[in-house]
Amino acid sequence: MESVKSNSYPEQSVDIMDDDFYEELIETFILEFEELIEIYSHALKTINSDRQQAIKDLFRVYHTLKGDASFFEQYARFAEFASHYCELLRPQDDSVLNNDQLIHQIRLNLTPLTAAVRAMKMGKSLESFHFDHQMKNF
């Protein structure tokens, strides 16, 4: 039996009796994660020609990853990583559009994100991933 955090009430957990259902949730998360990596990659390819749209797409990717990953206790650190970049990319003003250091780091993040989804597909834990060193403030 696995425990899943409730998004509505983060301090509570929901016990899932059916391991098959839990595995199905994980599989769905991984499939969506793969689709988000494609969106992320496309946004990076278009960031020079349409930075505003690319930033919106990257924000949406991190926001979705944050929400989805926070549902699973074993992905809490990953959710924190996604949340960090979600906040950095939050459309508050145009300063994010001109922050080349942030854009550079977002480009670098594609590799660990891709590796994370591969590890998850193979049933491996994300504990060995060191997302902390990529959580910089700009």
C-alpha atoms as a PDB file:
ATOM      1  CA  MET A   1       0.000   0.000   0.000  1.00  0.00           C
ATOM      2  CA  GLU A   2       1.371   3.373  -1.011  1.00  0.00           C
ATOM      3  CA  SER A   3       0.653   6.759   0.459  1.00  0.00           C
ATOM      4  CA  VAL A   4      -0.117   9.721  -1.744  1.00  0.00           C
ATOM      5  CA  LYS A   5      -0.230  13.324  -0.602  1.00  0.00           C
ATOM      6  CA  SER A   6      -3.445  15.154  -1.215  1.00  0.00           C
ATOM      7  CA  ASN A   7      -3.015  18.392  -3.179  1.00  0.00           C
ATOM      8  CA  SER A   8      -6.033  19.888  -1.429  1.00  0.00           C
ATOM      9  CA  TYR A   9      -4.723  19.108   2.023  1.00  0.00           C
ATOM     10  CA  PRO A  10      -0.907  18.754   1.829  1.00  0.00           C
ATOM     11  CA  GLU A  11      -0.593  17.783   5.478  1.00  0.00           C
ATOM     12  CA  GLN A  12      -2.824  14.740   4.899  1.00  0.00           C
ATOM     13  CA  SER A  13      -2.106  11.571   2.989  1.00  0.00           C
ATOM     14  CA  VAL A  14      -4.514   9.357   1.172  1.00  0.00           C
ATOM     15  CA  ASP A  15      -3.928   5.641   1.468  1.00  0.00           C
ATOM     16  CA  ILE A  16      -4.333   3.836  -1.789  1.00  0.00           C
ATOM     17  CA  MET A  17      -5.265   0.238  -1.202  1.00  0.00           C
ATOM     18  CA  ASP A  18      -4.910  -0.862  -4.794  1.00  0.00           C
ATOM     19  CA  ASP A  19      -1.252  -1.053  -5.832  1.00  0.00           C
ATOM     20  CA  ASP A  20      -2.331  -1.437  -9.461  1.00  0.00           C
ATOM     21  CA  PHE A  21      -4.131   1.910  -9.296  1.00  0.00           C
ATOM     22  CA  TYR A  22      -1.045   3.538  -7.783  1.00  0.00           C
ATOM     23  CA  GLU A  23       1.165   2.089 -10.524  1.00  0.00           C
ATOM     24  CA  GLU A  24      -1.284   3.415 -13.099  1.00  0.00           C
ATOM     25  CA  LEU A  25      -0.968   6.889 -11.568  1.00  0.00           C
ATOM     26  CA  ILE A  26       2.829   6.661 -11.790  1.00  0.00           C
ATOM     27  CA  GLU A  27       2.639   5.506 -15.414  1.00  0.00           C
ATOM     28  CA  THR A  28       0.309   8.398 -16.266  1.00  0.00           C
ATOM     29  CA  PHE A  29       2.688  10.830 -14.570  1.00  0.00           C
ATOM     30  CA  ILE A  30       5.629   9.453 -16.570  1.00  0.00           C
ATOM     31  CA  LEU A  31       3.713   9.684 -19.861  1.00  0.00           C
ATOM     32  CA  GLU A  32       2.750  13.276 -19.154  1.00  0.00           C
ATOM     33  CA  PHE A  33       6.327  14.021 -18.082  1.00  0.00           C
ATOM     34  CA  GLU A  34       7.568  12.760 -21.465  1.00  0.00           C
ATOM     35  CA  GLU A  35       5.098  15.025 -23.265  1.00  0.00           C
ATOM     36  CA  LEU A  36       6.210  17.965 -21.134  1.00  0.00           C
ATOM     37  CA  ILE A  37       9.859  17.278 -22.041  1.00  0.00           C
ATOM     38  CA  GLU A  38       8.862  17.616 -25.711  1.00  0.00           C
ATOM     39  CA  ILE A  39       7.172  20.966 -24.993  1.00  0.00           C
ATOM     40  CA  TYR A  40      10.229  22.043 -22.983  1.00  0.00           C
ATOM     41  CA  SER A  41      12.581  21.088 -25.808  1.00  0.00           C
ATOM     42  CA  HIS A  42      10.457  22.910 -28.385  1.00  0.00           C
ATOM     43  CA  ALA A  43      10.342  26.020 -26.192  1.00  0.00           C
ATOM     44  CA  LEU A  44      14.138  26.013 -25.996  1.00  0.00           C
ATOM     45  CA  LYS A  45      14.357  25.794 -29.784  1.00  0.00           C
ATOM     46  CA  THR A  46      12.082  28.805 -30.219  1.00  0.00           C
ATOM     47  CA  ILE A  47      13.306  30.900 -27.294  1.00  0.00           C
ATOM     48  CA  ASN A  48      15.393  33.208 -29.499  1.00  0.00           C
ATOM     49  CA  SER A  49      12.620  33.875 -32.008  1.00  0.00           C
ATOM     50  CA  ASP A  50       9.668  34.101 -29.603  1.00  0.00           C
ATOM     51  CA  ARG A  51      11.009  34.439 -26.067  1.00  0.00           C
ATOM     52  CA  GLN A  52       7.707  35.498 -24.526  1.00  0.00           C
ATOM     53  CA  GLN A  53       5.830  32.405 -25.771  1.00  0.00           C
ATOM     54  CA  ALA A  54       8.740  30.120 -24.906  1.00  0.00           C
ATOM     55  CA  ILE A  55       8.816  31.455 -21.335  1.00  0.00           C
ATOM     56  CA  LYS A  56       5.057  30.890 -21.038  1.00  0.00           C
ATOM     57  CA  ASP A  57       5.489  27.302 -22.259  1.00  0.00           C
ATOM     58  CA  LEU A  58       8.391  26.663 -19.882  1.00  0.00           C
ATOM     59  CA  PHE A  59       6.392  28.098 -16.989  1.00  0.00           C
ATOM     60  CA  ARG A  60       3.490  25.794 -17.867  1.00  0.00           C
ATOM     61  CA  VAL A  61       5.839  22.787 -17.963  1.00  0.00           C
ATOM     62  CA  TYR A  62       7.326  23.541 -14.553  1.00  0.00           C
ATOM     63  CA  HIS A  63       3.905  24.350 -13.112  1.00  0.00           C
ATOM     64  CA  THR A  64       2.451  21.036 -14.313  1.00  0.00           C
ATOM     65  CA  LEU A  65       5.485  19.085 -13.105  1.00  0.00           C
ATOM     66  CA  LYS A  66       5.242  20.781  -9.721  1.00  0.00           C
ATOM     67  CA  GLY A  67       1.593  19.838  -9.326  1.00  0.00           C
ATOM     68  CA  ASP A  68       1.904  16.302 -10.630  1.00  0.00           C
ATOM     69  CA  ALA A  69       5.090  15.434  -8.743  1.00  0.00           C
ATOM     70  CA  SER A  70       3.791  16.847  -5.468  1.00  0.00           C
ATOM     71  CA  PHE A  71       1.089  14.188  -5.531  1.00  0.00           C
ATOM     72  CA  PHE A  72       3.727  11.503  -4.869  1.00  0.00           C
ATOM     73  CA  GLU A  73       5.828  11.482  -1.711  1.00  0.00           C
ATOM     74  CA  GLN A  74       8.824   9.915  -3.469  1.00  0.00           C
ATOM     75  CA  TYR A  75       8.962  12.858  -5.872  1.00  0.00           C
ATOM     76  CA  ALA A  76       8.830  15.616  -3.229  1.00  0.00           C
ATOM     77  CA  ARG A  77      12.356  16.912  -3.984  1.00  0.00           C
ATOM     78  CA  PHE A  78      11.581  16.928  -7.680  1.00  0.00           C
ATOM     79  CA  ALA A  79       8.365  18.870  -7.008  1.00  0.00           C
ATOM     80  CA  GLU A  80      10.409  21.376  -5.002  1.00  0.00           C
ATOM     81  CA  PHE A  81      12.820  21.752  -7.934  1.00  0.00           C
ATOM     82  CA  ALA A  82       9.927  22.323 -10.365  1.00  0.00           C
ATOM     83  CA  SER A  83       8.314  24.762  -7.939  1.00  0.00           C
ATOM     84  CA  HIS A  84      11.529  26.775  -7.727  1.00  0.00           C
ATOM     85  CA  TYR A  85      11.678  27.305 -11.490  1.00  0.00           C
ATOM     86  CA  CYS A  86       7.944  27.831 -11.673  1.00  0.00           C
ATOM     87  CA  GLU A  87       8.358  30.779  -9.313  1.00  0.00           C
ATOM     88  CA  LEU A  88      11.342  32.137 -11.243  1.00  0.00           C
ATOM     89  CA  LEU A  89       9.374  32.005 -14.496  1.00  0.00           C
ATOM     90  CA  ARG A  90       6.118  33.310 -13.040  1.00  0.00           C
ATOM     91  CA  PRO A  91       4.966  36.073 -15.363  1.00  0.00           C
ATOM     92  CA  GLN A  92       5.253  39.097 -13.080  1.00  0.00           C
ATOM     93  CA  ASP A  93       6.941  41.519 -15.434  1.00  0.00           C
ATOM     94  CA  ASP A  94       9.273  41.495 -18.419  1.00  0.00           C
ATOM     95  CA  SER A  95      12.435  41.022 -16.334  1.00  0.00           C
ATOM     96  CA  VAL A  96      12.348  37.252 -16.827  1.00  0.00           C
ATOM     97  CA  LEU A  97      12.436  37.784 -20.596  1.00  0.00           C
ATOM     98  CA  ASN A  98      15.777  39.569 -20.307  1.00  0.00           C
ATOM     99  CA  ASN A  99      17.408  37.308 -17.740  1.00  0.00           C
ATOM    100  CA  ASP A 100      20.016  35.483 -19.810  1.00  0.00           C
ATOM    101  CA  GLN A 101      21.463  33.648 -16.780  1.00  0.00           C
ATOM    102  CA  LEU A 102      18.062  32.136 -16.023  1.00  0.00           C
ATOM    103  CA  ILE A 103      17.554  31.175 -19.667  1.00  0.00           C
ATOM    104  CA  HIS A 104      20.991  29.539 -19.704  1.00  0.00           C
ATOM    105  CA  GLN A 105      20.180  27.509 -16.579  1.00  0.00           C
ATOM    106  CA  ILE A 106      16.846  26.459 -18.032  1.00  0.00           C
ATOM    107  CA  ARG A 107      18.715  25.168 -21.085  1.00  0.00           C
ATOM    108  CA  LEU A 108      21.015  23.199 -18.775  1.00  0.00           C
ATOM    109  CA  ASN A 109      18.026  21.747 -16.899  1.00  0.00           C
ATOM    110  CA  LEU A 110      16.868  19.818 -19.956  1.00  0.00           C
ATOM    111  CA  THR A 111      19.527  17.148 -19.395  1.00  0.00           C
ATOM    112  CA  PRO A 112      18.618  16.264 -15.782  1.00  0.00           C
ATOM    113  CA  LEU A 113      14.911  16.444 -16.594  1.00  0.00           C
ATOM    114  CA  THR A 114      15.366  14.013 -19.473  1.00  0.00           C
ATOM    115  CA  ALA A 115      17.502  11.733 -17.292  1.00  0.00           C
ATOM    116  CA  ALA A 116      14.877  11.847 -14.543  1.00  0.00           C
ATOM    117  CA  VAL A 117      12.083  10.708 -16.845  1.00  0.00           C
ATOM    118  CA  ARG A 118      14.306   7.883 -18.170  1.00  0.00           C
ATOM    119  CA  ALA A 119      15.077   6.772 -14.618  1.00  0.00           C
ATOM    120  CA  MET A 120      11.396   6.825 -13.721  1.00  0.00           C
ATOM    121  CA  LYS A 121      10.539   4.732 -16.796  1.00  0.00           C
ATOM    122  CA  MET A 122      13.055   2.137 -15.604  1.00  0.00           C
ATOM    123  CA  GLY A 123      11.484   2.147 -12.140  1.00  0.00           C
ATOM    124  CA  LYS A 124      14.445   3.840 -10.512  1.00  0.00           C
ATOM    125  CA  SER A 125      14.276   6.346  -7.707  1.00  0.00           C
ATOM    126  CA  LEU A 126      15.071  10.006  -8.185  1.00  0.00           C
ATOM    127  CA  GLU A 127      16.966  10.079  -4.874  1.00  0.00           C
ATOM    128  CA  SER A 128      20.315  10.019  -6.684  1.00  0.00           C
ATOM    129  CA  PHE A 129      19.423  13.150  -8.636  1.00  0.00           C
ATOM    130  CA  HIS A 130      20.858  16.305  -7.150  1.00  0.00           C
ATOM    131  CA  PHE A 131      18.325  18.921  -8.138  1.00  0.00           C
ATOM    132  CA  ASP A 132      19.455  21.155  -5.271  1.00  0.00           C
ATOM    133  CA  HIS A 133      22.549  22.460  -7.076  1.00  0.00           C
ATOM    134  CA  GLN A 134      20.364  23.600  -9.973  1.00  0.00           C
ATOM    135  CA  MET A 135      18.050  25.606  -7.767  1.00  0.00           C
ATOM    136  CA  LYS A 136      19.746  28.952  -8.152  1.00  0.00           C
ATOM    137  CA  ASN A 137      18.289  32.384  -7.650  1.00  0.00           C
ATOM    138  CA  PHE A 138      18.673  34.871 -10.460  1.00  0.00           C
END
